[in-house]
């Protein structure tokens, strides 16, 4: 998976990571985005992942919502075919 891939990839987590919900306060700009609802993701979980390369490093799709993973490295997942 390339660093700035807009395509969704199926990956499997190799360690415990945390997901955050991106939140922009009313009347604020995108650069003032905050991250709320810290939720753990267990090791071995399959996710749909992409790297938008805009405001945060990784974005996942879960339950019809978009969540952020605030990690700069790619050691926490491996690609699944």
PDB file of N, CA and C in Angstrom:
ATOM      1  N   UNK A   1       0.847  -1.174   0.000  1.00  0.00           N
ATOM      2  CA  UNK A   1       0.000   0.000   0.000  1.00  0.00           C
ATOM      3  C   UNK A   1       0.892   1.237   0.000  1.00  0.00           C
ATOM      4  N   UNK A   2       0.640   2.122  -0.930  1.00  0.00           N
ATOM      5  CA  UNK A   2       1.461   3.324  -0.997  1.00  0.00           C
ATOM      6  C   UNK A   2       1.053   4.315   0.089  1.00  0.00           C
ATOM      7  N   UNK A   3       1.917   5.266   0.350  1.00  0.00           N
ATOM      8  CA  UNK A   3       1.687   6.187   1.460  1.00  0.00           C
ATOM      9  C   UNK A   3       0.474   7.083   1.237  1.00  0.00           C
ATOM     10  N   UNK A   4       0.220   7.514   0.004  1.00  0.00           N
ATOM     11  CA  UNK A   4      -0.911   8.384  -0.277  1.00  0.00           C
ATOM     12  C   UNK A   4      -1.894   7.689  -1.206  1.00  0.00           C
ATOM     13  N   UNK A   5      -2.441   6.576  -0.750  1.00  0.00           N
ATOM     14  CA  UNK A   5      -3.358   5.787  -1.559  1.00  0.00           C
ATOM     15  C   UNK A   5      -4.797   6.150  -1.220  1.00  0.00           C
ATOM     16  N   UNK A   6      -5.528   6.643  -2.211  1.00  0.00           N
ATOM     17  CA  UNK A   6      -6.931   6.995  -2.006  1.00  0.00           C
ATOM     18  C   UNK A   6      -7.844   5.769  -2.107  1.00  0.00           C
ATOM     19  N   UNK A   7      -7.324   4.653  -2.617  1.00  0.00           N
ATOM     20  CA  UNK A   7      -8.115   3.426  -2.714  1.00  0.00           C
ATOM     21  C   UNK A   7      -8.275   2.800  -1.335  1.00  0.00           C
ATOM     22  N   UNK A   8      -9.382   2.084  -1.123  1.00  0.00           N
ATOM     23  CA  UNK A   8      -9.587   1.350   0.125  1.00  0.00           C
ATOM     24  C   UNK A   8      -8.898   0.007   0.025  1.00  0.00           C
ATOM     25  N   UNK A   9      -8.130  -0.365   1.053  1.00  0.00           N
ATOM     26  CA  UNK A   9      -7.413  -1.629   1.118  1.00  0.00           C
ATOM     27  C   UNK A   9      -7.892  -2.410   2.331  1.00  0.00           C
ATOM     28  N   UNK A  10      -7.968  -3.730   2.197  1.00  0.00           N
ATOM     29  CA  UNK A  10      -8.295  -4.571   3.339  1.00  0.00           C
ATOM     30  C   UNK A  10      -6.994  -4.944   4.029  1.00  0.00           C
ATOM     31  N   UNK A  11      -6.902  -4.653   5.312  1.00  0.00           N
ATOM     32  CA  UNK A  11      -5.697  -4.930   6.083  1.00  0.00           C
ATOM     33  C   UNK A  11      -6.076  -5.650   7.372  1.00  0.00           C
ATOM     34  N   UNK A  12      -5.069  -6.255   8.005  1.00  0.00           N
ATOM     35  CA  UNK A  12      -5.241  -6.935   9.284  1.00  0.00           C
ATOM     36  C   UNK A  12      -4.293  -6.295  10.286  1.00  0.00           C
ATOM     37  N   UNK A  13      -4.801  -5.942  11.460  1.00  0.00           N
ATOM     38  CA  UNK A  13      -3.960  -5.299  12.465  1.00  0.00           C
ATOM     39  C   UNK A  13      -3.005  -6.314  13.092  1.00  0.00           C
ATOM     40  N   UNK A  14      -1.796  -5.882  13.381  1.00  0.00           N
ATOM     41  CA  UNK A  14      -0.798  -6.755  13.988  1.00  0.00           C
ATOM     42  C   UNK A  14      -0.519  -6.378  15.441  1.00  0.00           C
ATOM     43  N   UNK A  15      -1.145  -5.313  15.914  1.00  0.00           N
ATOM     44  CA  UNK A  15      -1.027  -4.909  17.312  1.00  0.00           C
ATOM     45  C   UNK A  15      -2.243  -4.074  17.673  1.00  0.00           C
ATOM     46  N   UNK A  16      -2.418  -3.799  18.961  1.00  0.00           N
ATOM     47  CA  UNK A  16      -3.546  -2.986  19.420  1.00  0.00           C
ATOM     48  C   UNK A  16      -3.323  -1.526  19.017  1.00  0.00           C
ATOM     49  N   UNK A  17      -4.323  -0.944  18.368  1.00  0.00           N
ATOM     50  CA  UNK A  17      -4.269   0.464  17.969  1.00  0.00           C
ATOM     51  C   UNK A  17      -5.550   1.149  18.429  1.00  0.00           C
ATOM     52  N   UNK A  18      -5.562   2.467  18.359  1.00  0.00           N
ATOM     53  CA  UNK A  18      -6.726   3.244  18.774  1.00  0.00           C
ATOM     54  C   UNK A  18      -7.274   4.023  17.591  1.00  0.00           C
ATOM     55  N   UNK A  19      -8.607   4.057  17.503  1.00  0.00           N
ATOM     56  CA  UNK A  19      -9.258   4.851  16.468  1.00  0.00           C
ATOM     57  C   UNK A  19      -9.880   6.079  17.119  1.00  0.00           C
ATOM     58  N   UNK A  20      -9.959   7.162  16.348  1.00  0.00           N
ATOM     59  CA  UNK A  20     -10.508   8.425  16.828  1.00  0.00           C
ATOM     60  C   UNK A  20     -11.509   8.941  15.814  1.00  0.00           C
ATOM     61  N   UNK A  21     -12.516   9.627  16.292  1.00  0.00           N
ATOM     62  CA  UNK A  21     -13.492  10.244  15.395  1.00  0.00           C
ATOM     63  C   UNK A  21     -13.055  11.673  15.093  1.00  0.00           C
ATOM     64  N   UNK A  22     -12.871  12.022  13.820  1.00  0.00           N
ATOM     65  CA  UNK A  22     -12.543  13.412  13.477  1.00  0.00           C
ATOM     66  C   UNK A  22     -13.750  14.314  13.748  1.00  0.00           C
ATOM     67  N   UNK A  23     -13.501  15.462  14.343  1.00  0.00           N
ATOM     68  CA  UNK A  23     -14.568  16.375  14.720  1.00  0.00           C
ATOM     69  C   UNK A  23     -14.108  17.803  14.450  1.00  0.00           C
ATOM     70  N   UNK A  24     -14.913  18.530  13.681  1.00  0.00           N
ATOM     71  CA  UNK A  24     -14.631  19.944  13.429  1.00  0.00           C
ATOM     72  C   UNK A  24     -15.686  20.753  14.175  1.00  0.00           C
ATOM     73  N   UNK A  25     -15.282  21.561  15.161  1.00  0.00           N
ATOM     74  CA  UNK A  25     -16.256  22.373  15.900  1.00  0.00           C
ATOM     75  C   UNK A  25     -17.008  23.331  14.969  1.00  0.00           C
ATOM     76  N   UNK A  26     -18.224  23.662  15.352  1.00  0.00           N
ATOM     77  CA  UNK A  26     -19.057  24.547  14.537  1.00  0.00           C
ATOM     78  C   UNK A  26     -18.373  25.903  14.365  1.00  0.00           C
ATOM     79  N   UNK A  27     -18.288  26.359  13.139  1.00  0.00           N
ATOM     80  CA  UNK A  27     -17.674  27.642  12.842  1.00  0.00           C
ATOM     81  C   UNK A  27     -16.159  27.594  12.746  1.00  0.00           C
ATOM     82  N   UNK A  28     -15.575  26.400  12.855  1.00  0.00           N
ATOM     83  CA  UNK A  28     -14.115  26.275  12.804  1.00  0.00           C
ATOM     84  C   UNK A  28     -13.688  25.826  11.410  1.00  0.00           C
ATOM     85  N   UNK A  29     -12.411  25.964  11.139  1.00  0.00           N
ATOM     86  CA  UNK A  29     -11.847  25.518   9.865  1.00  0.00           C
ATOM     87  C   UNK A  29     -11.311  24.093  10.013  1.00  0.00           C
ATOM     88  N   UNK A  30     -11.010  23.455   8.871  1.00  0.00           N
ATOM     89  CA  UNK A  30     -10.537  22.074   8.897  1.00  0.00           C
ATOM     90  C   UNK A  30      -9.224  21.918   9.662  1.00  0.00           C
ATOM     91  N   UNK A  31      -8.360  22.934   9.638  1.00  0.00           N
ATOM     92  CA  UNK A  31      -7.087  22.799  10.334  1.00  0.00           C
ATOM     93  C   UNK A  31      -7.271  22.851  11.856  1.00  0.00           C
ATOM     94  N   UNK A  32      -8.468  23.190  12.328  1.00  0.00           N
ATOM     95  CA  UNK A  32      -8.759  23.192  13.761  1.00  0.00           C
ATOM     96  C   UNK A  32      -9.476  21.915  14.195  1.00  0.00           C
ATOM     97  N   UNK A  33      -9.365  20.859  13.387  1.00  0.00           N
ATOM     98  CA  UNK A  33     -10.016  19.582  13.657  1.00  0.00           C
ATOM     99  C   UNK A  33      -9.521  18.990  14.973  1.00  0.00           C
ATOM    100  N   UNK A  34     -10.453  18.388  15.699  1.00  0.00           N
ATOM    101  CA  UNK A  34     -10.119  17.698  16.937  1.00  0.00           C
ATOM    102  C   UNK A  34     -10.478  16.227  16.768  1.00  0.00           C
ATOM    103  N   UNK A  35      -9.905  15.365  17.598  1.00  0.00           N
ATOM    104  CA  UNK A  35     -10.176  13.933  17.527  1.00  0.00           C
ATOM    105  C   UNK A  35     -10.764  13.490  18.861  1.00  0.00           C
ATOM    106  N   UNK A  36     -11.955  12.892  18.807  1.00  0.00           N
ATOM    107  CA  UNK A  36     -12.679  12.511  20.018  1.00  0.00           C
ATOM    108  C   UNK A  36     -13.010  11.018  19.956  1.00  0.00           C
ATOM    109  N   UNK A  37     -13.569  10.487  21.007  1.00  0.00           N
ATOM    110  CA  UNK A  37     -14.012   9.085  21.102  1.00  0.00           C
ATOM    111  C   UNK A  37     -12.880   8.098  20.829  1.00  0.00           C
ATOM    112  N   UNK A  38     -11.864   8.103  21.665  1.00  0.00           N
ATOM    113  CA  UNK A  38     -10.751   7.160  21.531  1.00  0.00           C
ATOM    114  C   UNK A  38     -11.269   5.752  21.831  1.00  0.00           C
ATOM    115  N   UNK A  39     -11.134   4.837  20.850  1.00  0.00           N
ATOM    116  CA  UNK A  39     -11.641   3.481  20.970  1.00  0.00           C
ATOM    117  C   UNK A  39     -10.548   2.500  20.567  1.00  0.00           C
ATOM    118  N   UNK A  40     -10.278   1.462  21.365  1.00  0.00           N
ATOM    119  CA  UNK A  40      -9.245   0.486  20.986  1.00  0.00           C
ATOM    120  C   UNK A  40      -9.733  -0.469  19.902  1.00  0.00           C
ATOM    121  N   UNK A  41      -8.802  -0.918  19.082  1.00  0.00           N
ATOM    122  CA  UNK A  41      -9.045  -1.949  18.070  1.00  0.00           C
ATOM    123  C   UNK A  41      -8.120  -3.110  18.405  1.00  0.00           C
ATOM    124  N   UNK A  42      -8.674  -4.313  18.511  1.00  0.00           N
ATOM    125  CA  UNK A  42      -7.892  -5.472  18.914  1.00  0.00           C
ATOM    126  C   UNK A  42      -6.952  -5.944  17.813  1.00  0.00           C
ATOM    127  N   UNK A  43      -5.910  -6.633  18.221  1.00  0.00           N
ATOM    128  CA  UNK A  43      -4.967  -7.251  17.285  1.00  0.00           C
ATOM    129  C   UNK A  43      -5.708  -8.330  16.493  1.00  0.00           C
ATOM    130  N   UNK A  44      -5.450  -8.407  15.182  1.00  0.00           N
ATOM    131  CA  UNK A  44      -6.078  -9.413  14.329  1.00  0.00           C
ATOM    132  C   UNK A  44      -7.391  -8.980  13.708  1.00  0.00           C
ATOM    133  N   UNK A  45      -7.769  -7.724  13.853  1.00  0.00           N
ATOM    134  CA  UNK A  45      -9.011  -7.207  13.282  1.00  0.00           C
ATOM    135  C   UNK A  45      -8.801  -6.826  11.820  1.00  0.00           C
ATOM    136  N   UNK A  46      -9.767  -7.163  10.966  1.00  0.00           N
ATOM    137  CA  UNK A  46      -9.717  -6.788   9.556  1.00  0.00           C
ATOM    138  C   UNK A  46     -10.391  -5.436   9.379  1.00  0.00           C
ATOM    139  N   UNK A  47      -9.733  -4.542   8.636  1.00  0.00           N
ATOM    140  CA  UNK A  47     -10.227  -3.178   8.431  1.00  0.00           C
ATOM    141  C   UNK A  47     -10.147  -2.785   6.968  1.00  0.00           C
ATOM    142  N   UNK A  48     -10.991  -1.820   6.582  1.00  0.00           N
ATOM    143  CA  UNK A  48     -10.862  -1.136   5.297  1.00  0.00           C
ATOM    144  C   UNK A  48     -10.080   0.133   5.574  1.00  0.00           C
ATOM    145  N   UNK A  49      -8.933   0.299   4.920  1.00  0.00           N
ATOM    146  CA  UNK A  49      -8.001   1.366   5.255  1.00  0.00           C
ATOM    147  C   UNK A  49      -7.576   2.124   4.013  1.00  0.00           C
ATOM    148  N   UNK A  50      -7.346   3.426   4.178  1.00  0.00           N
ATOM    149  CA  UNK A  50      -6.734   4.235   3.131  1.00  0.00           C
ATOM    150  C   UNK A  50      -5.899   5.323   3.780  1.00  0.00           C
ATOM    151  N   UNK A  51      -5.044   5.928   2.974  1.00  0.00           N
ATOM    152  CA  UNK A  51      -4.184   6.994   3.472  1.00  0.00           C
ATOM    153  C   UNK A  51      -4.446   8.249   2.656  1.00  0.00           C
ATOM    154  N   UNK A  52      -5.320   9.139   3.135  1.00  0.00           N
ATOM    155  CA  UNK A  52      -5.652  10.331   2.348  1.00  0.00           C
ATOM    156  C   UNK A  52      -4.515  11.336   2.254  1.00  0.00           C
ATOM    157  N   UNK A  53      -3.623  11.346   3.253  1.00  0.00           N
ATOM    158  CA  UNK A  53      -2.481  12.251   3.215  1.00  0.00           C
ATOM    159  C   UNK A  53      -2.844  13.712   3.360  1.00  0.00           C
ATOM    160  N   UNK A  54      -3.966  14.011   4.006  1.00  0.00           N
ATOM    161  CA  UNK A  54      -4.384  15.403   4.152  1.00  0.00           C
ATOM    162  C   UNK A  54      -4.156  15.888   5.582  1.00  0.00           C
ATOM    163  N   UNK A  55      -5.055  15.566   6.494  1.00  0.00           N
ATOM    164  CA  UNK A  55      -4.982  16.090   7.853  1.00  0.00           C
ATOM    165  C   UNK A  55      -4.472  15.061   8.858  1.00  0.00           C
ATOM    166  N   UNK A  56      -4.507  13.795   8.521  1.00  0.00           N
ATOM    167  CA  UNK A  56      -4.044  12.736   9.404  1.00  0.00           C
ATOM    168  C   UNK A  56      -3.585  11.577   8.540  1.00  0.00           C
ATOM    169  N   UNK A  57      -2.863  10.653   9.133  1.00  0.00           N
ATOM    170  CA  UNK A  57      -2.163   9.639   8.341  1.00  0.00           C
ATOM    171  C   UNK A  57      -3.070   8.535   7.790  1.00  0.00           C
ATOM    172  N   UNK A  58      -3.959   7.954   8.599  1.00  0.00           N
ATOM    173  CA  UNK A  58      -4.748   6.797   8.175  1.00  0.00           C
ATOM    174  C   UNK A  58      -6.224   7.023   8.432  1.00  0.00           C
ATOM    175  N   UNK A  59      -7.053   6.508   7.526  1.00  0.00           N
ATOM    176  CA  UNK A  59      -8.500   6.613   7.662  1.00  0.00           C
ATOM    177  C   UNK A  59      -9.098   5.226   7.488  1.00  0.00           C
ATOM    178  N   UNK A  60     -10.022   4.828   8.382  1.00  0.00           N
ATOM    179  CA  UNK A  60     -10.694   3.535   8.256  1.00  0.00           C
ATOM    180  C   UNK A  60     -12.199   3.761   8.134  1.00  0.00           C
ATOM    181  N   UNK A  61     -12.862   2.763   7.544  1.00  0.00           N
ATOM    182  CA  UNK A  61     -14.306   2.779   7.402  1.00  0.00           C
ATOM    183  C   UNK A  61     -14.855   1.683   8.307  1.00  0.00           C
ATOM    184  N   UNK A  62     -15.736   2.050   9.219  1.00  0.00           N
ATOM    185  CA  UNK A  62     -16.264   1.079  10.180  1.00  0.00           C
ATOM    186  C   UNK A  62     -17.709   1.446  10.505  1.00  0.00           C
ATOM    187  N   UNK A  63     -18.639   0.573  10.168  1.00  0.00           N
ATOM    188  CA  UNK A  63     -20.037   0.824  10.497  1.00  0.00           C
ATOM    189  C   UNK A  63     -20.638   2.023   9.792  1.00  0.00           C
ATOM    190  N   UNK A  64     -20.176   2.338   8.599  1.00  0.00           N
ATOM    191  CA  UNK A  64     -20.706   3.472   7.852  1.00  0.00           C
ATOM    192  C   UNK A  64     -20.126   4.812   8.251  1.00  0.00           C
ATOM    193  N   UNK A  65     -19.179   4.820   9.185  1.00  0.00           N
ATOM    194  CA  UNK A  65     -18.541   6.054   9.633  1.00  0.00           C
ATOM    195  C   UNK A  65     -17.058   6.016   9.294  1.00  0.00           C
ATOM    196  N   UNK A  66     -16.454   7.162   9.223  1.00  0.00           N
ATOM    197  CA  UNK A  66     -15.024   7.264   8.975  1.00  0.00           C
ATOM    198  C   UNK A  66     -14.315   7.607  10.278  1.00  0.00           C
ATOM    199  N   UNK A  67     -13.230   6.891  10.553  1.00  0.00           N
ATOM    200  CA  UNK A  67     -12.445   7.077  11.760  1.00  0.00           C
ATOM    201  C   UNK A  67     -10.999   7.325  11.370  1.00  0.00           C
ATOM    202  N   UNK A  68     -10.247   7.943  12.251  1.00  0.00           N
ATOM    203  CA  UNK A  68      -8.830   8.225  12.004  1.00  0.00           C
ATOM    204  C   UNK A  68      -7.971   7.386  12.935  1.00  0.00           C
ATOM    205  N   UNK A  69      -6.815   6.977  12.444  1.00  0.00           N
ATOM    206  CA  UNK A  69      -5.806   6.329  13.267  1.00  0.00           C
ATOM    207  C   UNK A  69      -4.583   7.239  13.228  1.00  0.00           C
ATOM    208  N   UNK A  70      -4.206   7.754  14.376  1.00  0.00           N
ATOM    209  CA  UNK A  70      -3.165   8.771  14.458  1.00  0.00           C
ATOM    210  C   UNK A  70      -1.796   8.131  14.660  1.00  0.00           C
ATOM    211  N   UNK A  71      -1.343   7.411  13.660  1.00  0.00           N
ATOM    212  CA  UNK A  71      -0.012   6.816  13.678  1.00  0.00           C
ATOM    213  C   UNK A  71       0.678   7.205  12.377  1.00  0.00           C
ATOM    214  N   UNK A  72       1.960   7.541  12.441  1.00  0.00           N
ATOM    215  CA  UNK A  72       2.691   7.922  11.240  1.00  0.00           C
ATOM    216  C   UNK A  72       3.319   6.727  10.538  1.00  0.00           C
ATOM    217  N   UNK A  73       3.506   5.632  11.248  1.00  0.00           N
ATOM    218  CA  UNK A  73       4.157   4.463  10.659  1.00  0.00           C
ATOM    219  C   UNK A  73       3.117   3.483  10.119  1.00  0.00           C
ATOM    220  N   UNK A  74       3.603   2.453   9.453  1.00  0.00           N
ATOM    221  CA  UNK A  74       2.729   1.424   8.894  1.00  0.00           C
ATOM    222  C   UNK A  74       3.037   0.054   9.499  1.00  0.00           C
ATOM    223  N   UNK A  75       3.618   0.028  10.690  1.00  0.00           N
ATOM    224  CA  UNK A  75       3.988  -1.246  11.314  1.00  0.00           C
ATOM    225  C   UNK A  75       2.829  -1.921  12.032  1.00  0.00           C
ATOM    226  N   UNK A  76       1.710  -1.267  12.165  1.00  0.00           N
ATOM    227  CA  UNK A  76       0.595  -1.807  12.929  1.00  0.00           C
ATOM    228  C   UNK A  76      -0.381  -2.630  12.081  1.00  0.00           C
ATOM    229  N   UNK A  77      -0.141  -2.758  10.768  1.00  0.00           N
ATOM    230  CA  UNK A  77      -1.030  -3.563   9.925  1.00  0.00           C
ATOM    231  C   UNK A  77      -0.225  -4.298   8.868  1.00  0.00           C
ATOM    232  N   UNK A  78      -0.885  -5.299   8.257  1.00  0.00           N
ATOM    233  CA  UNK A  78      -0.307  -5.963   7.085  1.00  0.00           C
ATOM    234  C   UNK A  78      -1.414  -6.136   6.050  1.00  0.00           C
ATOM    235  N   UNK A  79      -1.037  -6.101   4.788  1.00  0.00           N
ATOM    236  CA  UNK A  79      -2.000  -6.194   3.690  1.00  0.00           C
ATOM    237  C   UNK A  79      -2.595  -7.590   3.603  1.00  0.00           C
ATOM    238  N   UNK A  80      -3.853  -7.678   3.198  1.00  0.00           N
ATOM    239  CA  UNK A  80      -4.550  -8.932   3.015  1.00  0.00           C
ATOM    240  C   UNK A  80      -5.103  -8.936   1.603  1.00  0.00           C
ATOM    241  N   UNK A  81      -4.985 -10.040   0.928  1.00  0.00           N
ATOM    242  CA  UNK A  81      -5.526 -10.144  -0.437  1.00  0.00           C
ATOM    243  C   UNK A  81      -6.868 -10.810  -0.401  1.00  0.00           C
TER     244      UNK A  81
END
